[in-house]
C-alpha cells in the first residue's frame, strides 16, 4: 500500500484488509510501530522515543483524517494523502 504521509524520514502507511482496531504503521530506519488511532496508542513495535513523539504529534493533528483513511482501506479503496508534520 502506498504511503499516506512522509516526514523527517518517517513513512506512514495503512494496509487494505488489515485487522481492527483502526491503526496505522510508521517506519523509521529499520524499525516500525503500529499505532491505534482512537485512542492514540502503540499496539506493537518500537521506534526511538524522539521519533515516536513526532509520530504521535502528527497523528494527534490528523486523527479525523486517519479514521477516514481507515474506512477507505477497509473498503479496499486508496487512502487519501495526509500532510506531513510541519
PDB file of N, CA and C in Angstrom:
ATOM      1  N   UNK A   1       0.855  -1.177   0.000  1.00  0.00           N
ATOM      2  CA  UNK A   1       0.000   0.000   0.000  1.00  0.00           C
ATOM      3  C   UNK A   1       0.895   1.233   0.000  1.00  0.00           C
ATOM      4  N   UNK A   2       0.508   2.252  -0.760  1.00  0.00           N
ATOM      5  CA  UNK A   2       1.331   3.461  -0.803  1.00  0.00           C
ATOM      6  C   UNK A   2       1.332   4.198   0.536  1.00  0.00           C
ATOM      7  N   UNK A   3       2.374   4.969   0.724  1.00  0.00           N
ATOM      8  CA  UNK A   3       2.480   5.780   1.938  1.00  0.00           C
ATOM      9  C   UNK A   3       1.398   6.857   1.935  1.00  0.00           C
ATOM     10  N   UNK A   4       0.824   7.130   3.104  1.00  0.00           N
ATOM     11  CA  UNK A   4      -0.152   8.221   3.195  1.00  0.00           C
ATOM     12  C   UNK A   4       0.509   9.510   3.663  1.00  0.00           C
ATOM     13  N   UNK A   5       1.716   9.397   4.234  1.00  0.00           N
ATOM     14  CA  UNK A   5       2.476  10.583   4.621  1.00  0.00           C
ATOM     15  C   UNK A   5       3.941  10.199   4.809  1.00  0.00           C
ATOM     16  N   UNK A   6       4.798  11.181   4.589  1.00  0.00           N
ATOM     17  CA  UNK A   6       6.243  11.030   4.811  1.00  0.00           C
ATOM     18  C   UNK A   6       6.762  12.331   5.399  1.00  0.00           C
ATOM     19  N   UNK A   7       7.527  12.225   6.468  1.00  0.00           N
ATOM     20  CA  UNK A   7       8.131  13.415   7.068  1.00  0.00           C
ATOM     21  C   UNK A   7       9.287  12.995   7.963  1.00  0.00           C
ATOM     22  N   UNK A   8      10.349  13.780   7.938  1.00  0.00           N
ATOM     23  CA  UNK A   8      11.502  13.591   8.816  1.00  0.00           C
ATOM     24  C   UNK A   8      12.051  12.156   8.784  1.00  0.00           C
ATOM     25  N   UNK A   9      11.974  11.519   7.625  1.00  0.00           N
ATOM     26  CA  UNK A   9      12.455  10.150   7.488  1.00  0.00           C
ATOM     27  C   UNK A   9      11.464   9.092   7.939  1.00  0.00           C
ATOM     28  N   UNK A  10      10.264   9.499   8.346  1.00  0.00           N
ATOM     29  CA  UNK A  10       9.217   8.593   8.819  1.00  0.00           C
ATOM     30  C   UNK A  10       8.246   8.332   7.664  1.00  0.00           C
ATOM     31  N   UNK A  11       7.858   7.080   7.496  1.00  0.00           N
ATOM     32  CA  UNK A  11       6.883   6.717   6.465  1.00  0.00           C
ATOM     33  C   UNK A  11       5.653   6.150   7.164  1.00  0.00           C
ATOM     34  N   UNK A  12       4.477   6.724   6.848  1.00  0.00           N
ATOM     35  CA  UNK A  12       3.210   6.306   7.435  1.00  0.00           C
ATOM     36  C   UNK A  12       2.415   5.548   6.374  1.00  0.00           C
ATOM     37  N   UNK A  13       1.933   4.347   6.723  1.00  0.00           N
ATOM     38  CA  UNK A  13       1.146   3.539   5.787  1.00  0.00           C
ATOM     39  C   UNK A  13      -0.066   2.931   6.491  1.00  0.00           C
ATOM     40  N   UNK A  14      -1.022   2.491   5.668  1.00  0.00           N
ATOM     41  CA  UNK A  14      -2.144   1.659   6.100  1.00  0.00           C
ATOM     42  C   UNK A  14      -2.271   0.562   5.063  1.00  0.00           C
ATOM     43  N   UNK A  15      -2.783  -0.588   5.491  1.00  0.00           N
ATOM     44  CA  UNK A  15      -2.885  -1.742   4.601  1.00  0.00           C
ATOM     45  C   UNK A  15      -4.326  -2.192   4.452  1.00  0.00           C
ATOM     46  N   UNK A  16      -4.730  -2.418   3.203  1.00  0.00           N
ATOM     47  CA  UNK A  16      -6.068  -2.939   2.931  1.00  0.00           C
ATOM     48  C   UNK A  16      -6.218  -4.303   3.588  1.00  0.00           C
ATOM     49  N   UNK A  17      -7.374  -4.546   4.146  1.00  0.00           N
ATOM     50  CA  UNK A  17      -7.634  -5.837   4.766  1.00  0.00           C
ATOM     51  C   UNK A  17      -6.958  -6.034   6.102  1.00  0.00           C
ATOM     52  N   UNK A  18      -6.378  -4.972   6.669  1.00  0.00           N
ATOM     53  CA  UNK A  18      -5.722  -5.093   7.973  1.00  0.00           C
ATOM     54  C   UNK A  18      -6.776  -5.301   9.062  1.00  0.00           C
ATOM     55  N   UNK A  19      -6.349  -5.818  10.181  1.00  0.00           N
ATOM     56  CA  UNK A  19      -7.229  -6.179  11.290  1.00  0.00           C
ATOM     57  C   UNK A  19      -7.611  -4.961  12.128  1.00  0.00           C
ATOM     58  N   UNK A  20      -8.792  -4.979  12.774  1.00  0.00           N
ATOM     59  CA  UNK A  20      -9.129  -3.929  13.742  1.00  0.00           C
ATOM     60  C   UNK A  20      -8.219  -4.047  14.956  1.00  0.00           C
ATOM     61  N   UNK A  21      -8.096  -3.067  15.795  1.00  0.00           N
ATOM     62  CA  UNK A  21      -8.753  -1.771  15.753  1.00  0.00           C
ATOM     63  C   UNK A  21      -8.120  -0.867  14.696  1.00  0.00           C
ATOM     64  N   UNK A  22      -8.789   0.263  14.359  1.00  0.00           N
ATOM     65  CA  UNK A  22      -8.208   1.195  13.392  1.00  0.00           C
ATOM     66  C   UNK A  22      -6.806   1.614  13.820  1.00  0.00           C
ATOM     67  N   UNK A  23      -5.858   1.483  12.895  1.00  0.00           N
ATOM     68  CA  UNK A  23      -4.470   1.807  13.207  1.00  0.00           C
ATOM     69  C   UNK A  23      -3.705   2.120  11.933  1.00  0.00           C
ATOM     70  N   UNK A  24      -2.499   2.636  12.118  1.00  0.00           N
ATOM     71  CA  UNK A  24      -1.588   2.870  11.003  1.00  0.00           C
ATOM     72  C   UNK A  24      -0.219   2.334  11.387  1.00  0.00           C
ATOM     73  N   UNK A  25       0.650   2.261  10.409  1.00  0.00           N
ATOM     74  CA  UNK A  25       2.015   1.780  10.619  1.00  0.00           C
ATOM     75  C   UNK A  25       2.979   2.929  10.350  1.00  0.00           C
ATOM     76  N   UNK A  26       3.994   3.055  11.183  1.00  0.00           N
ATOM     77  CA  UNK A  26       5.047   4.054  10.987  1.00  0.00           C
ATOM     78  C   UNK A  26       6.378   3.327  10.922  1.00  0.00           C
ATOM     79  N   UNK A  27       7.173   3.652   9.895  1.00  0.00           N
ATOM     80  CA  UNK A  27       8.513   3.074   9.742  1.00  0.00           C
ATOM     81  C   UNK A  27       9.546   4.190   9.805  1.00  0.00           C
ATOM     82  N   UNK A  28      10.645   3.870  10.444  1.00  0.00           N
ATOM     83  CA  UNK A  28      11.767   4.798  10.519  1.00  0.00           C
ATOM     84  C   UNK A  28      13.022   3.957  10.614  1.00  0.00           C
ATOM     85  N   UNK A  29      13.934   4.149   9.662  1.00  0.00           N
ATOM     86  CA  UNK A  29      15.131   3.311   9.659  1.00  0.00           C
ATOM     87  C   UNK A  29      14.711   1.861   9.541  1.00  0.00           C
ATOM     88  N   UNK A  30      15.237   1.015  10.355  1.00  0.00           N
ATOM     89  CA  UNK A  30      14.885  -0.398  10.331  1.00  0.00           C
ATOM     90  C   UNK A  30      13.813  -0.785  11.332  1.00  0.00           C
ATOM     91  N   UNK A  31      13.181   0.203  11.961  1.00  0.00           N
ATOM     92  CA  UNK A  31      12.186  -0.092  12.990  1.00  0.00           C
ATOM     93  C   UNK A  31      10.789   0.291  12.509  1.00  0.00           C
ATOM     94  N   UNK A  32       9.773  -0.323  13.121  1.00  0.00           N
ATOM     95  CA  UNK A  32       8.394   0.021  12.781  1.00  0.00           C
ATOM     96  C   UNK A  32       7.506  -0.137  14.004  1.00  0.00           C
ATOM     97  N   UNK A  33       6.363   0.524  13.929  1.00  0.00           N
ATOM     98  CA  UNK A  33       5.403   0.500  15.015  1.00  0.00           C
ATOM     99  C   UNK A  33       4.000   0.558  14.417  1.00  0.00           C
ATOM    100  N   UNK A  34       3.054  -0.108  15.065  1.00  0.00           N
ATOM    101  CA  UNK A  34       1.631   0.023  14.745  1.00  0.00           C
ATOM    102  C   UNK A  34       1.032   0.914  15.820  1.00  0.00           C
ATOM    103  N   UNK A  35       0.237   1.909  15.382  1.00  0.00           N
ATOM    104  CA  UNK A  35      -0.333   2.875  16.320  1.00  0.00           C
ATOM    105  C   UNK A  35      -1.842   2.890  16.172  1.00  0.00           C
ATOM    106  N   UNK A  36      -2.553   2.618  17.266  1.00  0.00           N
ATOM    107  CA  UNK A  36      -4.004   2.737  17.283  1.00  0.00           C
ATOM    108  C   UNK A  36      -4.392   4.198  17.140  1.00  0.00           C
ATOM    109  N   UNK A  37      -5.490   4.444  16.421  1.00  0.00           N
ATOM    110  CA  UNK A  37      -5.880   5.817  16.117  1.00  0.00           C
ATOM    111  C   UNK A  37      -6.736   6.434  17.216  1.00  0.00           C
ATOM    112  N   UNK A  38      -7.644   5.648  17.776  1.00  0.00           N
ATOM    113  CA  UNK A  38      -8.533   6.205  18.786  1.00  0.00           C
ATOM    114  C   UNK A  38      -8.756   5.190  19.890  1.00  0.00           C
ATOM    115  N   UNK A  39      -8.068   5.332  20.995  1.00  0.00           N
ATOM    116  CA  UNK A  39      -7.124   6.393  21.338  1.00  0.00           C
ATOM    117  C   UNK A  39      -5.760   6.143  20.691  1.00  0.00           C
ATOM    118  N   UNK A  40      -4.958   7.191  20.612  1.00  0.00           N
ATOM    119  CA  UNK A  40      -3.602   7.038  20.093  1.00  0.00           C
ATOM    120  C   UNK A  40      -2.801   6.209  21.088  1.00  0.00           C
ATOM    121  N   UNK A  41      -2.322   5.070  20.611  1.00  0.00           N
ATOM    122  CA  UNK A  41      -1.576   4.164  21.487  1.00  0.00           C
ATOM    123  C   UNK A  41      -0.736   3.217  20.636  1.00  0.00           C
ATOM    124  N   UNK A  42       0.451   2.892  21.126  1.00  0.00           N
ATOM    125  CA  UNK A  42       1.284   1.902  20.449  1.00  0.00           C
ATOM    126  C   UNK A  42       0.641   0.531  20.624  1.00  0.00           C
ATOM    127  N   UNK A  43       0.421  -0.156  19.509  1.00  0.00           N
ATOM    128  CA  UNK A  43      -0.142  -1.503  19.548  1.00  0.00           C
ATOM    129  C   UNK A  43       0.948  -2.561  19.491  1.00  0.00           C
ATOM    130  N   UNK A  44       2.006  -2.280  18.720  1.00  0.00           N
ATOM    131  CA  UNK A  44       3.112  -3.230  18.577  1.00  0.00           C
ATOM    132  C   UNK A  44       4.308  -2.501  18.001  1.00  0.00           C
ATOM    133  N   UNK A  45       5.489  -2.999  18.314  1.00  0.00           N
ATOM    134  CA  UNK A  45       6.718  -2.462  17.746  1.00  0.00           C
ATOM    135  C   UNK A  45       7.319  -1.344  18.574  1.00  0.00           C
ATOM    136  N   UNK A  46       8.440  -0.827  18.073  1.00  0.00           N
ATOM    137  CA  UNK A  46       9.143   0.252  18.767  1.00  0.00           C
ATOM    138  C   UNK A  46       9.761   1.203  17.753  1.00  0.00           C
ATOM    139  N   UNK A  47       9.900   2.426  18.183  1.00  0.00           N
ATOM    140  CA  UNK A  47      10.652   3.460  17.468  1.00  0.00           C
ATOM    141  C   UNK A  47      11.453   4.218  18.515  1.00  0.00           C
ATOM    142  N   UNK A  48      12.512   4.900  18.095  1.00  0.00           N
ATOM    143  CA  UNK A  48      13.224   5.743  19.062  1.00  0.00           C
ATOM    144  C   UNK A  48      12.245   6.751  19.688  1.00  0.00           C
ATOM    145  N   UNK A  49      12.409   7.072  20.966  1.00  0.00           N
ATOM    146  CA  UNK A  49      11.459   7.953  21.655  1.00  0.00           C
ATOM    147  C   UNK A  49      11.189   9.276  20.937  1.00  0.00           C
ATOM    148  N   UNK A  50      12.219   9.929  20.424  1.00  0.00           N
ATOM    149  CA  UNK A  50      12.033  11.205  19.714  1.00  0.00           C
ATOM    150  C   UNK A  50      11.152  11.017  18.487  1.00  0.00           C
ATOM    151  N   UNK A  51      11.402   9.955  17.738  1.00  0.00           N
ATOM    152  CA  UNK A  51      10.634   9.668  16.516  1.00  0.00           C
ATOM    153  C   UNK A  51       9.195   9.315  16.873  1.00  0.00           C
ATOM    154  N   UNK A  52       9.006   8.488  17.890  1.00  0.00           N
ATOM    155  CA  UNK A  52       7.656   8.127  18.315  1.00  0.00           C
ATOM    156  C   UNK A  52       6.887   9.371  18.739  1.00  0.00           C
ATOM    157  N   UNK A  53       7.541  10.287  19.409  1.00  0.00           N
ATOM    158  CA  UNK A  53       6.902  11.551  19.787  1.00  0.00           C
ATOM    159  C   UNK A  53       6.442  12.340  18.574  1.00  0.00           C
ATOM    160  N   UNK A  54       7.254  12.354  17.516  1.00  0.00           N
ATOM    161  CA  UNK A  54       6.875  13.051  16.290  1.00  0.00           C
ATOM    162  C   UNK A  54       5.686  12.362  15.625  1.00  0.00           C
ATOM    163  N   UNK A  55       5.673  11.041  15.640  1.00  0.00           N
ATOM    164  CA  UNK A  55       4.550  10.289  15.070  1.00  0.00           C
ATOM    165  C   UNK A  55       3.271  10.625  15.830  1.00  0.00           C
ATOM    166  N   UNK A  56       3.332  10.642  17.156  1.00  0.00           N
ATOM    167  CA  UNK A  56       2.145  10.952  17.957  1.00  0.00           C
ATOM    168  C   UNK A  56       1.710  12.397  17.761  1.00  0.00           C
ATOM    169  N   UNK A  57       2.651  13.314  17.652  1.00  0.00           N
ATOM    170  CA  UNK A  57       2.306  14.716  17.409  1.00  0.00           C
ATOM    171  C   UNK A  57       1.550  14.846  16.082  1.00  0.00           C
ATOM    172  N   UNK A  58       2.082  14.202  15.028  1.00  0.00           N
ATOM    173  CA  UNK A  58       1.444  14.224  13.715  1.00  0.00           C
ATOM    174  C   UNK A  58       0.061  13.586  13.781  1.00  0.00           C
ATOM    175  N   UNK A  59      -0.043  12.415  14.400  1.00  0.00           N
ATOM    176  CA  UNK A  59      -1.314  11.689  14.467  1.00  0.00           C
ATOM    177  C   UNK A  59      -2.375  12.482  15.233  1.00  0.00           C
ATOM    178  N   UNK A  60      -1.987  13.174  16.287  1.00  0.00           N
ATOM    179  CA  UNK A  60      -2.950  13.966  17.055  1.00  0.00           C
ATOM    180  C   UNK A  60      -3.536  15.086  16.193  1.00  0.00           C
ATOM    181  N   UNK A  61      -2.739  15.624  15.292  1.00  0.00           N
ATOM    182  CA  UNK A  61      -3.211  16.686  14.394  1.00  0.00           C
ATOM    183  C   UNK A  61      -4.128  16.153  13.302  1.00  0.00           C
ATOM    184  N   UNK A  62      -4.028  14.870  12.995  1.00  0.00           N
ATOM    185  CA  UNK A  62      -4.723  14.306  11.838  1.00  0.00           C
ATOM    186  C   UNK A  62      -5.591  13.093  12.187  1.00  0.00           C
ATOM    187  N   UNK A  63      -6.075  13.024  13.408  1.00  0.00           N
ATOM    188  CA  UNK A  63      -6.853  11.858  13.838  1.00  0.00           C
ATOM    189  C   UNK A  63      -8.086  11.631  12.970  1.00  0.00           C
ATOM    190  N   UNK A  64      -8.819  12.683  12.651  1.00  0.00           N
ATOM    191  CA  UNK A  64     -10.009  12.551  11.818  1.00  0.00           C
ATOM    192  C   UNK A  64      -9.673  12.029  10.429  1.00  0.00           C
ATOM    193  N   UNK A  65      -8.597  12.547   9.849  1.00  0.00           N
ATOM    194  CA  UNK A  65      -8.168  12.092   8.525  1.00  0.00           C
ATOM    195  C   UNK A  65      -7.699  10.637   8.563  1.00  0.00           C
ATOM    196  N   UNK A  66      -7.038  10.264   9.635  1.00  0.00           N
ATOM    197  CA  UNK A  66      -6.600   8.867   9.778  1.00  0.00           C
ATOM    198  C   UNK A  66      -7.791   7.920   9.864  1.00  0.00           C
ATOM    199  N   UNK A  67      -8.812   8.302  10.615  1.00  0.00           N
ATOM    200  CA  UNK A  67     -10.012   7.459  10.707  1.00  0.00           C
ATOM    201  C   UNK A  67     -10.716   7.364   9.358  1.00  0.00           C
ATOM    202  N   UNK A  68     -10.758   8.480   8.614  1.00  0.00           N
ATOM    203  CA  UNK A  68     -11.360   8.452   7.276  1.00  0.00           C
ATOM    204  C   UNK A  68     -10.559   7.541   6.350  1.00  0.00           C
ATOM    205  N   UNK A  69      -9.237   7.596   6.428  1.00  0.00           N
ATOM    206  CA  UNK A  69      -8.400   6.709   5.611  1.00  0.00           C
ATOM    207  C   UNK A  69      -8.594   5.257   6.017  1.00  0.00           C
ATOM    208  N   UNK A  70      -8.765   4.985   7.317  1.00  0.00           N
ATOM    209  CA  UNK A  70      -9.018   3.611   7.765  1.00  0.00           C
ATOM    210  C   UNK A  70     -10.289   3.074   7.100  1.00  0.00           C
ATOM    211  N   UNK A  71     -11.336   3.912   7.059  1.00  0.00           N
ATOM    212  CA  UNK A  71     -12.578   3.496   6.404  1.00  0.00           C
ATOM    213  C   UNK A  71     -12.335   3.188   4.931  1.00  0.00           C
ATOM    214  N   UNK A  72     -11.519   3.998   4.273  1.00  0.00           N
ATOM    215  CA  UNK A  72     -11.214   3.761   2.857  1.00  0.00           C
ATOM    216  C   UNK A  72     -10.474   2.439   2.662  1.00  0.00           C
ATOM    217  N   UNK A  73      -9.413   2.210   3.437  1.00  0.00           N
ATOM    218  CA  UNK A  73      -8.620   0.993   3.207  1.00  0.00           C
ATOM    219  C   UNK A  73      -9.385  -0.266   3.587  1.00  0.00           C
ATOM    220  N   UNK A  74     -10.259  -0.188   4.581  1.00  0.00           N
ATOM    221  CA  UNK A  74     -11.040  -1.375   4.918  1.00  0.00           C
ATOM    222  C   UNK A  74     -12.092  -1.662   3.853  1.00  0.00           C
ATOM    223  N   UNK A  75     -12.426  -0.651   3.027  1.00  0.00           N
ATOM    224  CA  UNK A  75     -13.329  -0.844   1.885  1.00  0.00           C
ATOM    225  C   UNK A  75     -12.518  -1.116   0.607  1.00  0.00           C
ATOM    226  N   UNK A  76     -11.223  -1.391   0.774  1.00  0.00           N
ATOM    227  CA  UNK A  76     -10.300  -1.682  -0.336  1.00  0.00           C
ATOM    228  C   UNK A  76     -10.212  -0.534  -1.336  1.00  0.00           C
ATOM    229  N   UNK A  77     -10.225   0.700  -0.811  1.00  0.00           N
ATOM    230  CA  UNK A  77     -10.023   1.887  -1.606  1.00  0.00           C
ATOM    231  C   UNK A  77      -8.696   2.525  -1.225  1.00  0.00           C
ATOM    232  N   UNK A  78      -8.226   3.393  -2.080  1.00  0.00           N
ATOM    233  CA  UNK A  78      -6.927   4.047  -1.846  1.00  0.00           C
ATOM    234  C   UNK A  78      -7.100   5.150  -0.798  1.00  0.00           C
ATOM    235  N   UNK A  79      -6.255   5.150   0.237  1.00  0.00           N
ATOM    236  CA  UNK A  79      -6.348   6.216   1.254  1.00  0.00           C
ATOM    237  C   UNK A  79      -5.891   7.556   0.693  1.00  0.00           C
ATOM    238  N   UNK A  80      -6.435   8.614   1.256  1.00  0.00           N
ATOM    239  CA  UNK A  80      -6.047   9.964   0.858  1.00  0.00           C
ATOM    240  C   UNK A  80      -4.720  10.333   1.506  1.00  0.00           C
ATOM    241  N   UNK A  81      -3.884  11.075   0.791  1.00  0.00           N
ATOM    242  CA  UNK A  81      -2.632  11.548   1.417  1.00  0.00           C
ATOM    243  C   UNK A  81      -2.956  12.507   2.573  1.00  0.00           C
ATOM    244  N   UNK A  82      -2.090  12.494   3.568  1.00  0.00           N
ATOM    245  CA  UNK A  82      -2.232  13.375   4.724  1.00  0.00           C
ATOM    246  C   UNK A  82      -0.966  14.229   4.799  1.00  0.00           C
ATOM    247  N   UNK A  83      -1.115  15.545   4.997  1.00  0.00           N
ATOM    248  CA  UNK A  83       0.071  16.407   5.038  1.00  0.00           C
ATOM    249  C   UNK A  83       1.078  15.963   6.101  1.00  0.00           C
ATOM    250  N   UNK A  84       2.357  16.184   5.820  1.00  0.00           N
ATOM    251  CA  UNK A  84       3.396  15.826   6.782  1.00  0.00           C
ATOM    252  C   UNK A  84       3.411  16.764   7.987  1.00  0.00           C
ATOM    253  N   UNK A  85       4.165  16.361   8.990  1.00  0.00           N
ATOM    254  CA  UNK A  85       4.387  17.218  10.156  1.00  0.00           C
ATOM    255  C   UNK A  85       5.229  18.398   9.696  1.00  0.00           C
ATOM    256  N   UNK A  86       4.753  19.587   9.994  1.00  0.00           N
ATOM    257  CA  UNK A  86       5.457  20.796   9.533  1.00  0.00           C
ATOM    258  C   UNK A  86       6.595  21.157  10.456  1.00  0.00           C
TER     259      UNK A  86
END
